[in-house]
Each structure stands twice: as C-alpha cells, then as structure tokens.
Amino acid sequence: MFTAILWTLFLSAIVFGRLFRKNSVVRRLGSLTMPTVLLLLFLFGSEIGSDERVMLSLPTLGARAVVMAVACVAGSVILSGLVYRMIRNRIQK
C-alpha cells in the first residue's frame, strides 16, 4: 500500500511539473531540491545514529556496503567500456 502511495505521488509530481513548467514559482522549486535532499540525509543519518541495533551491526553492514559499491562501480566501468567500444566501432565503419 505504501509503495502505491509513493508511486502515485511521484507520477502526480511529474504531471504537475509538466503542466506548470513555464510557471516561475515551479521553476524556482528546483533550487530547493539540494537543500531538501541534504536535510533528509541529515535526518536519516541522525535516525540511524540513534538506533542501537544498527550501530552495533555497522561493521558488518559497512563491509557489505563497500563490497557492493566496489562491485557496482567495477561493473559500470566494464559495461561502459564495452558500450564505448561498440559505439566507436560502428562510427568508424
């Protein structure tokens, strides 16, 4: 149910943005995006820091997160290289 509400809000915001994109008030909302994201990250971090169970399992979670991050970056680099080579070969032909 919560996921359906999130998707509804997300899609409604897209439609709203498309309909009112020339409105100056809506265009200024873009400048609020970064401060809002930073505030949410701060609040999320403070919530995690106050949870004793999460803090105790942080070494395990942190190690897994590092492995996943390295794997994602490596996969992105490899796939980007392959796509670049495919595109370059097609342009040269």
PDB file of N, CA and C in Angstrom:
ATOM      1  N   MET A   1       0.809  -1.189   0.000  1.00  0.00           N
ATOM      2  CA  MET A   1       0.000   0.000   0.000  1.00  0.00           C
ATOM      3  C   MET A   1       0.862   1.267   0.000  1.00  0.00           C
ATOM      4  N   PHE A   2       1.907   1.256   0.837  1.00  0.00           N
ATOM      5  CA  PHE A   2       2.792   2.411   0.920  1.00  0.00           C
ATOM      6  C   PHE A   2       3.480   2.669  -0.418  1.00  0.00           C
ATOM      7  N   THR A   3       3.879   1.588  -1.106  1.00  0.00           N
ATOM      8  CA  THR A   3       4.529   1.726  -2.411  1.00  0.00           C
ATOM      9  C   THR A   3       3.584   2.350  -3.424  1.00  0.00           C
ATOM     10  N   ALA A   4       2.328   1.962  -3.391  1.00  0.00           N
ATOM     11  CA  ALA A   4       1.347   2.550  -4.314  1.00  0.00           C
ATOM     12  C   ALA A   4       1.188   4.037  -4.059  1.00  0.00           C
ATOM     13  N   ILE A   5       1.197   4.428  -2.806  1.00  0.00           N
ATOM     14  CA  ILE A   5       1.089   5.858  -2.470  1.00  0.00           C
ATOM     15  C   ILE A   5       2.316   6.610  -2.975  1.00  0.00           C
ATOM     16  N   LEU A   6       3.502   6.038  -2.786  1.00  0.00           N
ATOM     17  CA  LEU A   6       4.726   6.693  -3.267  1.00  0.00           C
ATOM     18  C   LEU A   6       4.714   6.855  -4.782  1.00  0.00           C
ATOM     19  N   TRP A   7       4.327   5.810  -5.491  1.00  0.00           N
ATOM     20  CA  TRP A   7       4.278   5.889  -6.956  1.00  0.00           C
ATOM     21  C   TRP A   7       3.237   6.912  -7.416  1.00  0.00           C
ATOM     22  N   THR A   8       2.106   6.964  -6.734  1.00  0.00           N
ATOM     23  CA  THR A   8       1.079   7.941  -7.083  1.00  0.00           C
ATOM     24  C   THR A   8       1.597   9.369  -6.888  1.00  0.00           C
ATOM     25  N   LEU A   9       2.270   9.609  -5.770  1.00  0.00           N
ATOM     26  CA  LEU A   9       2.840  10.935  -5.533  1.00  0.00           C
ATOM     27  C   LEU A   9       3.907  11.274  -6.562  1.00  0.00           C
ATOM     28  N   PHE A  10       4.763  10.309  -6.866  1.00  0.00           N
ATOM     29  CA  PHE A  10       5.837  10.518  -7.839  1.00  0.00           C
ATOM     30  C   PHE A  10       5.269  10.859  -9.215  1.00  0.00           C
ATOM     31  N   LEU A  11       4.311  10.072  -9.684  1.00  0.00           N
ATOM     32  CA  LEU A  11       3.735  10.312 -11.006  1.00  0.00           C
ATOM     33  C   LEU A  11       2.921  11.603 -11.040  1.00  0.00           C
ATOM     34  N   SER A  12       2.235  11.913  -9.934  1.00  0.00           N
ATOM     35  CA  SER A  12       1.490  13.175  -9.855  1.00  0.00           C
ATOM     36  C   SER A  12       2.437  14.369  -9.940  1.00  0.00           C
ATOM     37  N   ALA A  13       3.589  14.266  -9.284  1.00  0.00           N
ATOM     38  CA  ALA A  13       4.573  15.348  -9.334  1.00  0.00           C
ATOM     39  C   ALA A  13       5.119  15.532 -10.740  1.00  0.00           C
ATOM     40  N   ILE A  14       5.320  14.442 -11.460  1.00  0.00           N
ATOM     41  CA  ILE A  14       5.790  14.551 -12.846  1.00  0.00           C
ATOM     42  C   ILE A  14       4.757  15.274 -13.705  1.00  0.00           C
ATOM     43  N   VAL A  15       3.492  14.871 -13.583  1.00  0.00           N
ATOM     44  CA  VAL A  15       2.424  15.516 -14.352  1.00  0.00           C
ATOM     45  C   VAL A  15       2.318  16.994 -13.976  1.00  0.00           C
ATOM     46  N   PHE A  16       2.373  17.291 -12.679  1.00  0.00           N
ATOM     47  CA  PHE A  16       2.326  18.673 -12.207  1.00  0.00           C
ATOM     48  C   PHE A  16       3.473  19.488 -12.793  1.00  0.00           C
ATOM     49  N   GLY A  17       4.661  18.928 -12.765  1.00  0.00           N
ATOM     50  CA  GLY A  17       5.827  19.626 -13.307  1.00  0.00           C
ATOM     51  C   GLY A  17       5.705  19.890 -14.794  1.00  0.00           C
ATOM     52  N   ARG A  18       5.165  18.920 -15.530  1.00  0.00           N
ATOM     53  CA  ARG A  18       4.998  19.100 -16.980  1.00  0.00           C
ATOM     54  C   ARG A  18       3.943  20.164 -17.286  1.00  0.00           C
ATOM     55  N   LEU A  19       2.863  20.158 -16.517  1.00  0.00           N
ATOM     56  CA  LEU A  19       1.790  21.105 -16.782  1.00  0.00           C
ATOM     57  C   LEU A  19       2.184  22.543 -16.450  1.00  0.00           C
ATOM     58  N   PHE A  20       2.955  22.716 -15.388  1.00  0.00           N
ATOM     59  CA  PHE A  20       3.281  24.058 -14.916  1.00  0.00           C
ATOM     60  C   PHE A  20       4.762  24.403 -15.074  1.00  0.00           C
ATOM     61  N   ARG A  21       5.436  23.806 -16.036  1.00  0.00           N
ATOM     62  CA  ARG A  21       6.878  24.016 -16.181  1.00  0.00           C
ATOM     63  C   ARG A  21       7.251  25.442 -16.557  1.00  0.00           C
ATOM     64  N   LYS A  22       6.346  26.178 -17.152  1.00  0.00           N
ATOM     65  CA  LYS A  22       6.654  27.560 -17.517  1.00  0.00           C
ATOM     66  C   LYS A  22       6.351  28.539 -16.385  1.00  0.00           C
ATOM     67  N   ASN A  23       5.733  28.073 -15.335  1.00  0.00           N
ATOM     68  CA  ASN A  23       5.407  28.911 -14.187  1.00  0.00           C
ATOM     69  C   ASN A  23       6.691  29.211 -13.418  1.00  0.00           C
ATOM     70  N   SER A  24       6.906  30.473 -13.076  1.00  0.00           N
ATOM     71  CA  SER A  24       8.156  30.866 -12.418  1.00  0.00           C
ATOM     72  C   SER A  24       8.282  30.276 -11.014  1.00  0.00           C
ATOM     73  N   VAL A  25       7.164  30.083 -10.322  1.00  0.00           N
ATOM     74  CA  VAL A  25       7.214  29.509  -8.975  1.00  0.00           C
ATOM     75  C   VAL A  25       7.698  28.068  -9.044  1.00  0.00           C
ATOM     76  N   VAL A  26       7.180  27.317  -9.982  1.00  0.00           N
ATOM     77  CA  VAL A  26       7.578  25.912 -10.138  1.00  0.00           C
ATOM     78  C   VAL A  26       9.042  25.827 -10.548  1.00  0.00           C
ATOM     79  N   ARG A  27       9.492  26.743 -11.389  1.00  0.00           N
ATOM     80  CA  ARG A  27      10.891  26.729 -11.816  1.00  0.00           C
ATOM     81  C   ARG A  27      11.833  27.031 -10.669  1.00  0.00           C
ATOM     82  N   ARG A  28      11.400  27.863  -9.718  1.00  0.00           N
ATOM     83  CA  ARG A  28      12.234  28.164  -8.565  1.00  0.00           C
ATOM     84  C   ARG A  28      12.296  27.011  -7.567  1.00  0.00           C
ATOM     85  N   LEU A  29      11.358  26.100  -7.633  1.00  0.00           N
ATOM     86  CA  LEU A  29      11.370  24.952  -6.720  1.00  0.00           C
ATOM     87  C   LEU A  29      12.600  24.083  -6.940  1.00  0.00           C
ATOM     88  N   GLY A  30      13.151  24.104  -8.139  1.00  0.00           N
ATOM     89  CA  GLY A  30      14.349  23.332  -8.422  1.00  0.00           C
ATOM     90  C   GLY A  30      15.523  23.728  -7.552  1.00  0.00           C
ATOM     91  N   SER A  31      15.584  24.985  -7.156  1.00  0.00           N
ATOM     92  CA  SER A  31      16.688  25.431  -6.307  1.00  0.00           C
ATOM     93  C   SER A  31      16.550  24.920  -4.875  1.00  0.00           C
ATOM     94  N   LEU A  32      15.383  24.439  -4.515  1.00  0.00           N
ATOM     95  CA  LEU A  32      15.170  23.880  -3.178  1.00  0.00           C
ATOM     96  C   LEU A  32      15.496  22.391  -3.101  1.00  0.00           C
ATOM     97  N   THR A  33      15.768  21.779  -4.224  1.00  0.00           N
ATOM     98  CA  THR A  33      15.985  20.342  -4.257  1.00  0.00           C
ATOM     99  C   THR A  33      17.202  19.934  -3.437  1.00  0.00           C
ATOM    100  N   MET A  34      18.338  20.550  -3.667  1.00  0.00           N
ATOM    101  CA  MET A  34      19.561  20.160  -2.965  1.00  0.00           C
ATOM    102  C   MET A  34      19.473  20.390  -1.461  1.00  0.00           C
ATOM    103  N   PRO A  35      19.019  21.559  -0.995  1.00  0.00           N
ATOM    104  CA  PRO A  35      18.885  21.711   0.458  1.00  0.00           C
ATOM    105  C   PRO A  35      17.920  20.698   1.082  1.00  0.00           C
ATOM    106  N   THR A  36      16.859  20.366   0.360  1.00  0.00           N
ATOM    107  CA  THR A  36      15.906  19.385   0.874  1.00  0.00           C
ATOM    108  C   THR A  36      16.537  18.000   0.966  1.00  0.00           C
ATOM    109  N   VAL A  37      17.287  17.616  -0.056  1.00  0.00           N
ATOM    110  CA  VAL A  37      17.958  16.319  -0.033  1.00  0.00           C
ATOM    111  C   VAL A  37      18.976  16.270   1.102  1.00  0.00           C
ATOM    112  N   LEU A  38      19.723  17.346   1.287  1.00  0.00           N
ATOM    113  CA  LEU A  38      20.704  17.383   2.375  1.00  0.00           C
ATOM    114  C   LEU A  38      20.035  17.297   3.745  1.00  0.00           C
ATOM    115  N   LEU A  39      18.907  17.969   3.904  1.00  0.00           N
ATOM    116  CA  LEU A  39      18.170  17.889   5.165  1.00  0.00           C
ATOM    117  C   LEU A  39      17.674  16.461   5.410  1.00  0.00           C
ATOM    118  N   LEU A  40      17.143  15.834   4.369  1.00  0.00           N
ATOM    119  CA  LEU A  40      16.676  14.454   4.514  1.00  0.00           C
ATOM    120  C   LEU A  40      17.822  13.502   4.852  1.00  0.00           C
ATOM    121  N   LEU A  41      18.983  13.695   4.234  1.00  0.00           N
ATOM    122  CA  LEU A  41      20.143  12.863   4.556  1.00  0.00           C
ATOM    123  C   LEU A  41      20.580  13.061   5.997  1.00  0.00           C
ATOM    124  N   PHE A  42      20.555  14.303   6.467  1.00  0.00           N
ATOM    125  CA  PHE A  42      20.910  14.577   7.852  1.00  0.00           C
ATOM    126  C   PHE A  42      19.941  13.891   8.807  1.00  0.00           C
ATOM    127  N   LEU A  43      18.653  14.013   8.532  1.00  0.00           N
ATOM    128  CA  LEU A  43      17.654  13.387   9.388  1.00  0.00           C
ATOM    129  C   LEU A  43      17.759  11.861   9.351  1.00  0.00           C
ATOM    130  N   PHE A  44      18.027  11.325   8.179  1.00  0.00           N
ATOM    131  CA  PHE A  44      18.209   9.879   8.041  1.00  0.00           C
ATOM    132  C   PHE A  44      19.427   9.419   8.838  1.00  0.00           C
ATOM    133  N   GLY A  45      20.513  10.156   8.745  1.00  0.00           N
ATOM    134  CA  GLY A  45      21.723   9.818   9.495  1.00  0.00           C
ATOM    135  C   GLY A  45      21.517   9.909  10.996  1.00  0.00           C
ATOM    136  N   SER A  46      20.785  10.920  11.445  1.00  0.00           N
ATOM    137  CA  SER A  46      20.532  11.040  12.884  1.00  0.00           C
ATOM    138  C   SER A  46      19.631   9.919  13.378  1.00  0.00           C
ATOM    139  N   GLU A  47      18.710   9.482  12.544  1.00  0.00           N
ATOM    140  CA  GLU A  47      17.849   8.347  12.904  1.00  0.00           C
ATOM    141  C   GLU A  47      18.669   7.059  13.010  1.00  0.00           C
ATOM    142  N   ILE A  48      19.568   6.850  12.074  1.00  0.00           N
ATOM    143  CA  ILE A  48      20.430   5.658  12.111  1.00  0.00           C
ATOM    144  C   ILE A  48      21.354   5.723  13.319  1.00  0.00           C
ATOM    145  N   GLY A  49      21.925   6.892  13.580  1.00  0.00           N
ATOM    146  CA  GLY A  49      22.841   7.041  14.710  1.00  0.00           C
ATOM    147  C   GLY A  49      22.182   6.815  16.056  1.00  0.00           C
ATOM    148  N   SER A  50      20.883   7.054  16.139  1.00  0.00           N
ATOM    149  CA  SER A  50      20.193   6.866  17.413  1.00  0.00           C
ATOM    150  C   SER A  50      19.696   5.436  17.616  1.00  0.00           C
ATOM    151  N   ASP A  51      19.764   4.605  16.580  1.00  0.00           N
ATOM    152  CA  ASP A  51      19.312   3.214  16.682  1.00  0.00           C
ATOM    153  C   ASP A  51      20.478   2.331  17.124  1.00  0.00           C
ATOM    154  N   GLU A  52      20.375   1.792  18.312  1.00  0.00           N
ATOM    155  CA  GLU A  52      21.460   0.997  18.912  1.00  0.00           C
ATOM    156  C   GLU A  52      21.769  -0.263  18.107  1.00  0.00           C
ATOM    157  N   ARG A  53      20.727  -0.947  17.625  1.00  0.00           N
ATOM    158  CA  ARG A  53      20.943  -2.190  16.867  1.00  0.00           C
ATOM    159  C   ARG A  53      21.708  -1.931  15.573  1.00  0.00           C
ATOM    160  N   VAL A  54      21.352  -0.863  14.893  1.00  0.00           N
ATOM    161  CA  VAL A  54      22.039  -0.541  13.631  1.00  0.00           C
ATOM    162  C   VAL A  54      23.496  -0.193  13.908  1.00  0.00           C
ATOM    163  N   MET A  55      23.734   0.577  14.964  1.00  0.00           N
ATOM    164  CA  MET A  55      25.110   0.970  15.279  1.00  0.00           C
ATOM    165  C   MET A  55      25.972  -0.243  15.648  1.00  0.00           C
ATOM    166  N   LEU A  56      25.388  -1.212  16.321  1.00  0.00           N
ATOM    167  CA  LEU A  56      26.155  -2.407  16.685  1.00  0.00           C
ATOM    168  C   LEU A  56      26.460  -3.286  15.470  1.00  0.00           C
ATOM    169  N   SER A  57      25.583  -3.293  14.488  1.00  0.00           N
ATOM    170  CA  SER A  57      25.817  -4.121  13.305  1.00  0.00           C
ATOM    171  C   SER A  57      26.481  -3.339  12.171  1.00  0.00           C
ATOM    172  N   LEU A  58      26.906  -2.120  12.430  1.00  0.00           N
ATOM    173  CA  LEU A  58      27.514  -1.275  11.398  1.00  0.00           C
ATOM    174  C   LEU A  58      28.777  -1.870  10.782  1.00  0.00           C
ATOM    175  N   PRO A  59      29.685  -2.508  11.545  1.00  0.00           N
ATOM    176  CA  PRO A  59      30.866  -3.092  10.895  1.00  0.00           C
ATOM    177  C   PRO A  59      30.508  -4.128   9.828  1.00  0.00           C
ATOM    178  N   THR A  60      29.549  -4.975  10.123  1.00  0.00           N
ATOM    179  CA  THR A  60      29.127  -5.984   9.146  1.00  0.00           C
ATOM    180  C   THR A  60      28.434  -5.328   7.961  1.00  0.00           C
ATOM    181  N   LEU A  61      27.515  -4.410   8.264  1.00  0.00           N
ATOM    182  CA  LEU A  61      26.799  -3.720   7.194  1.00  0.00           C
ATOM    183  C   LEU A  61      27.753  -2.880   6.349  1.00  0.00           C
ATOM    184  N   GLY A  62      28.720  -2.244   6.997  1.00  0.00           N
ATOM    185  CA  GLY A  62      29.672  -1.406   6.279  1.00  0.00           C
ATOM    186  C   GLY A  62      30.539  -2.201   5.326  1.00  0.00           C
ATOM    187  N   ALA A  63      30.978  -3.389   5.763  1.00  0.00           N
ATOM    188  CA  ALA A  63      31.803  -4.237   4.900  1.00  0.00           C
ATOM    189  C   ALA A  63      31.009  -4.697   3.686  1.00  0.00           C
ATOM    190  N   ARG A  64      29.776  -5.085   3.908  1.00  0.00           N
ATOM    191  CA  ARG A  64      28.928  -5.497   2.780  1.00  0.00           C
ATOM    192  C   ARG A  64      28.682  -4.333   1.823  1.00  0.00           C
ATOM    193  N   ALA A  65      28.470  -3.159   2.386  1.00  0.00           N
ATOM    194  CA  ALA A  65      28.215  -1.987   1.551  1.00  0.00           C
ATOM    195  C   ALA A  65      29.428  -1.642   0.693  1.00  0.00           C
ATOM    196  N   VAL A  66      30.624  -1.774   1.261  1.00  0.00           N
ATOM    197  CA  VAL A  66      31.849  -1.490   0.493  1.00  0.00           C
ATOM    198  C   VAL A  66      31.993  -2.490  -0.646  1.00  0.00           C
ATOM    199  N   VAL A  67      31.760  -3.760  -0.361  1.00  0.00           N
ATOM    200  CA  VAL A  67      31.867  -4.785  -1.404  1.00  0.00           C
ATOM    201  C   VAL A  67      30.852  -4.514  -2.514  1.00  0.00           C
ATOM    202  N   MET A  68      29.628  -4.188  -2.132  1.00  0.00           N
ATOM    203  CA  MET A  68      28.601  -3.904  -3.140  1.00  0.00           C
ATOM    204  C   MET A  68      28.949  -2.659  -3.952  1.00  0.00           C
ATOM    205  N   ALA A  69      29.460  -1.628  -3.297  1.00  0.00           N
ATOM    206  CA  ALA A  69      29.809  -0.393  -4.002  1.00  0.00           C
ATOM    207  C   ALA A  69      30.932  -0.632  -4.999  1.00  0.00           C
ATOM    208  N   VAL A  70      31.961  -1.374  -4.576  1.00  0.00           N
ATOM    209  CA  VAL A  70      33.083  -1.670  -5.472  1.00  0.00           C
ATOM    210  C   VAL A  70      32.604  -2.507  -6.655  1.00  0.00           C
ATOM    211  N   ALA A  71      31.755  -3.493  -6.385  1.00  0.00           N
ATOM    212  CA  ALA A  71      31.229  -4.329  -7.469  1.00  0.00           C
ATOM    213  C   ALA A  71      30.394  -3.508  -8.446  1.00  0.00           C
ATOM    214  N   CYS A  72      29.588  -2.603  -7.933  1.00  0.00           N
ATOM    215  CA  CYS A  72      28.765  -1.758  -8.809  1.00  0.00           C
ATOM    216  C   CYS A  72      29.622  -0.835  -9.666  1.00  0.00           C
ATOM    217  N   VAL A  73      30.616  -0.220  -9.066  1.00  0.00           N
ATOM    218  CA  VAL A  73      31.496   0.675  -9.829  1.00  0.00           C
ATOM    219  C   VAL A  73      32.271  -0.117 -10.881  1.00  0.00           C
ATOM    220  N   ALA A  74      32.805  -1.271 -10.489  1.00  0.00           N
ATOM    221  CA  ALA A  74      33.553  -2.095 -11.447  1.00  0.00           C
ATOM    222  C   ALA A  74      32.653  -2.535 -12.596  1.00  0.00           C
ATOM    223  N   GLY A  75      31.450  -2.969 -12.290  1.00  0.00           N
ATOM    224  CA  GLY A  75      30.517  -3.370 -13.342  1.00  0.00           C
ATOM    225  C   GLY A  75      30.163  -2.223 -14.260  1.00  0.00           C
ATOM    226  N   SER A  76      29.970  -1.041 -13.700  1.00  0.00           N
ATOM    227  CA  SER A  76      29.653   0.132 -14.516  1.00  0.00           C
ATOM    228  C   SER A  76      30.807   0.502 -15.437  1.00  0.00           C
ATOM    229  N   VAL A  77      32.027   0.450 -14.904  1.00  0.00           N
ATOM    230  CA  VAL A  77      33.202   0.779 -15.718  1.00  0.00           C
ATOM    231  C   VAL A  77      33.364  -0.224 -16.852  1.00  0.00           C
ATOM    232  N   ILE A  78      33.230  -1.502 -16.542  1.00  0.00           N
ATOM    233  CA  ILE A  78      33.385  -2.544 -17.565  1.00  0.00           C
ATOM    234  C   ILE A  78      32.309  -2.417 -18.639  1.00  0.00           C
ATOM    235  N   LEU A  79      31.058  -2.274 -18.219  1.00  0.00           N
ATOM    236  CA  LEU A  79      29.971  -2.154 -19.184  1.00  0.00           C
ATOM    237  C   LEU A  79      30.079  -0.879 -20.002  1.00  0.00           C
ATOM    238  N   SER A  80      30.475   0.219 -19.377  1.00  0.00           N
ATOM    239  CA  SER A  80      30.656   1.475 -20.115  1.00  0.00           C
ATOM    240  C   SER A  80      31.754   1.340 -21.158  1.00  0.00           C
ATOM    241  N   GLY A  81      32.833   0.651 -20.793  1.00  0.00           N
ATOM    242  CA  GLY A  81      33.911   0.414 -21.748  1.00  0.00           C
ATOM    243  C   GLY A  81      33.458  -0.416 -22.935  1.00  0.00           C
ATOM    244  N   LEU A  82      32.673  -1.443 -22.677  1.00  0.00           N
ATOM    245  CA  LEU A  82      32.159  -2.277 -23.766  1.00  0.00           C
ATOM    246  C   LEU A  82      31.220  -1.495 -24.684  1.00  0.00           C
ATOM    247  N   VAL A  83      30.330  -0.704 -24.094  1.00  0.00           N
ATOM    248  CA  VAL A  83      29.409   0.103 -24.904  1.00  0.00           C
ATOM    249  C   VAL A  83      30.181   1.143 -25.702  1.00  0.00           C
ATOM    250  N   TYR A  84      31.191   1.757 -25.097  1.00  0.00           N
ATOM    251  CA  TYR A  84      32.010   2.744 -25.799  1.00  0.00           C
ATOM    252  C   TYR A  84      32.694   2.106 -27.004  1.00  0.00           C
ATOM    253  N   ARG A  85      33.244   0.912 -26.816  1.00  0.00           N
ATOM    254  CA  ARG A  85      33.904   0.228 -27.931  1.00  0.00           C
ATOM    255  C   ARG A  85      32.927  -0.114 -29.035  1.00  0.00           C
ATOM    256  N   MET A  86      31.730  -0.553 -28.663  1.00  0.00           N
ATOM    257  CA  MET A  86      30.719  -0.886 -29.685  1.00  0.00           C
ATOM    258  C   MET A  86      30.346   0.358 -30.485  1.00  0.00           C
ATOM    259  N   ILE A  87      30.130   1.464 -29.799  1.00  0.00           N
ATOM    260  CA  ILE A  87      29.737   2.693 -30.485  1.00  0.00           C
ATOM    261  C   ILE A  87      30.877   3.205 -31.351  1.00  0.00           C
ATOM    262  N   ARG A  88      32.111   3.163 -30.833  1.00  0.00           N
ATOM    263  CA  ARG A  88      33.261   3.631 -31.601  1.00  0.00           C
ATOM    264  C   ARG A  88      33.468   2.792 -32.845  1.00  0.00           C
ATOM    265  N   ASN A  89      33.305   1.482 -32.735  1.00  0.00           N
ATOM    266  CA  ASN A  89      33.458   0.604 -33.899  1.00  0.00           C
ATOM    267  C   ASN A  89      32.400   0.874 -34.959  1.00  0.00           C
ATOM    268  N   ARG A  90      31.176   1.164 -34.545  1.00  0.00           N
ATOM    269  CA  ARG A  90      30.118   1.448 -35.503  1.00  0.00           C
ATOM    270  C   ARG A  90      30.327   2.780 -36.192  1.00  0.00           C
ATOM    271  N   ILE A  91      30.877   3.752 -35.471  1.00  0.00           N
ATOM    272  CA  ILE A  91      31.126   5.065 -36.068  1.00  0.00           C
ATOM    273  C   ILE A  91      32.260   4.968 -37.090  1.00  0.00           C
ATOM    274  N   GLN A  92      33.273   4.164 -36.817  1.00  0.00           N
ATOM    275  CA  GLN A  92      34.424   4.056 -37.695  1.00  0.00           C
ATOM    276  C   GLN A  92      34.118   3.280 -38.975  1.00  0.00           C
ATOM    277  N   LYS A  93      33.072   2.480 -38.977  1.00  0.00           N
ATOM    278  CA  LYS A  93      32.744   1.671 -40.185  1.00  0.00           C
ATOM    279  C   LYS A  93      32.106   2.466 -41.251  1.00  0.00           C
TER     280      LYS A  93
END
